Amino acid sequence: MGTLVLILDLIGTFVFALSGATMGVRRRLDIFGVLVLSFAAALAGGITRDLLIGATPVAAISDWRYPAITLLAGVVTFFWAPLIERLQYPVRMFDA
């Protein structure tokens, strides 16, 4: 059961990162800006939650898979933005 929850969490993180990166590409940011937005959109809420409840170290940074998946989503979106734009409806559905 724990593995399924982790996989679903990583998929959700990837989709949140795609949304943030898409906004960066639309605003014509460089690769660094797109990566920052993908990271912030995907992980800022969880980091804030963990800090407020005192759960340190923060899970989104202590597990390497979370930052890696956000950076992967940012790179994918930066280089293949037209493909991600065509998948806008499914991305928004999973983002919700």
Protein backbone atom coordinates (compact mmCIF):
# COMPACT_ATOMS: atom_id res chain seq x y z
CA MET A 1 0.00 0.00 0.00
CA GLY A 2 2.86 2.40 0.80
CA THR A 3 4.36 2.03 -2.67
CA LEU A 4 1.05 2.85 -4.36
CA VAL A 5 0.67 6.00 -2.27
CA LEU A 6 4.23 7.06 -3.13
CA ILE A 7 3.66 6.50 -6.86
CA LEU A 8 0.42 8.49 -6.81
CA ASP A 9 2.12 11.26 -4.83
CA LEU A 10 4.97 11.46 -7.36
CA ILE A 11 2.51 11.52 -10.26
CA GLY A 12 0.61 14.35 -8.59
CA THR A 13 3.85 16.21 -7.96
CA PHE A 14 4.81 15.80 -11.62
CA VAL A 15 1.46 17.19 -12.80
CA PHE A 16 1.65 20.17 -10.41
CA ALA A 17 5.15 20.85 -11.71
CA LEU A 18 3.91 20.69 -15.31
CA SER A 19 1.33 23.36 -14.50
CA GLY A 20 3.91 25.68 -12.97
CA ALA A 21 6.39 25.12 -15.77
CA THR A 22 3.70 25.76 -18.38
CA MET A 23 3.05 29.18 -16.87
CA GLY A 24 6.78 29.90 -17.01
CA VAL A 25 6.98 28.93 -20.68
CA ARG A 26 3.94 31.10 -21.46
CA ARG A 27 5.69 34.06 -19.82
CA ARG A 28 8.81 33.31 -21.90
CA LEU A 29 11.09 32.62 -18.94
CA ASP A 30 14.46 31.00 -19.43
CA ILE A 31 15.15 27.42 -18.33
CA PHE A 32 16.08 28.49 -14.79
CA GLY A 33 12.83 30.43 -14.36
CA VAL A 34 10.78 27.50 -15.64
CA LEU A 35 12.54 25.13 -13.24
CA VAL A 36 11.96 27.46 -10.30
CA LEU A 37 8.26 27.73 -11.13
CA SER A 38 7.89 23.99 -11.57
CA PHE A 39 9.56 23.40 -8.19
CA ALA A 40 7.52 26.08 -6.43
CA ALA A 41 4.18 25.01 -7.90
CA ALA A 42 4.74 21.38 -7.02
CA LEU A 43 6.40 21.56 -3.61
CA ALA A 44 5.84 24.93 -1.92
CA GLY A 45 2.50 23.94 -0.39
CA GLY A 46 3.85 20.72 1.09
CA ILE A 47 6.98 22.43 2.39
CA THR A 48 4.87 25.14 4.04
CA ARG A 49 2.59 22.52 5.60
CA ASP A 50 5.49 20.52 6.98
CA LEU A 51 7.13 23.62 8.44
CA LEU A 52 3.89 24.77 10.09
CA ILE A 53 3.24 21.42 11.75
CA GLY A 54 6.89 21.01 12.74
CA ALA A 55 7.58 17.98 10.57
CA THR A 56 11.28 18.43 9.93
CA PRO A 57 13.22 17.61 7.90
CA VAL A 58 10.76 18.60 5.22
CA ALA A 59 9.71 15.53 3.22
CA ALA A 60 9.77 17.31 -0.14
CA ILE A 61 13.48 18.04 0.21
CA SER A 62 14.69 15.11 2.29
CA ASP A 63 13.54 12.62 -0.37
CA TRP A 64 15.51 13.22 -3.58
CA ARG A 65 12.67 11.96 -5.79
CA TYR A 66 10.46 15.01 -5.22
CA PRO A 67 12.91 17.69 -6.41
CA ALA A 68 14.04 15.39 -9.22
CA ILE A 69 10.50 14.88 -10.51
CA THR A 70 9.84 18.64 -10.47
CA LEU A 71 13.03 19.36 -12.39
CA LEU A 72 12.20 16.63 -14.90
CA ALA A 73 8.75 18.15 -15.45
CA GLY A 74 10.33 21.59 -15.90
CA VAL A 75 12.81 20.35 -18.50
CA VAL A 76 10.13 18.38 -20.36
CA THR A 77 7.87 21.43 -20.44
CA PHE A 78 10.66 23.81 -21.49
CA PHE A 79 11.76 21.71 -24.45
CA TRP A 80 8.41 20.22 -25.47
CA ALA A 81 6.00 23.04 -24.59
CA PRO A 82 3.77 22.54 -27.67
CA LEU A 83 3.15 18.92 -26.65
CA ILE A 84 2.32 19.90 -23.07
CA GLU A 85 0.02 22.66 -24.34
CA ARG A 86 -1.89 20.08 -26.40
CA LEU A 87 -2.30 18.01 -23.24
CA GLN A 88 -3.60 21.04 -21.33
CA TYR A 89 -7.01 19.56 -20.50
CA PRO A 90 -5.71 16.29 -18.97
CA VAL A 91 -2.99 18.18 -17.08
CA ARG A 92 -5.54 20.55 -15.58
CA MET A 93 -7.84 17.67 -14.69
CA PHE A 94 -5.08 15.83 -12.83
CA ASP A 95 -3.87 19.11 -11.32
CA ALA A 96 -7.30 19.65 -9.77
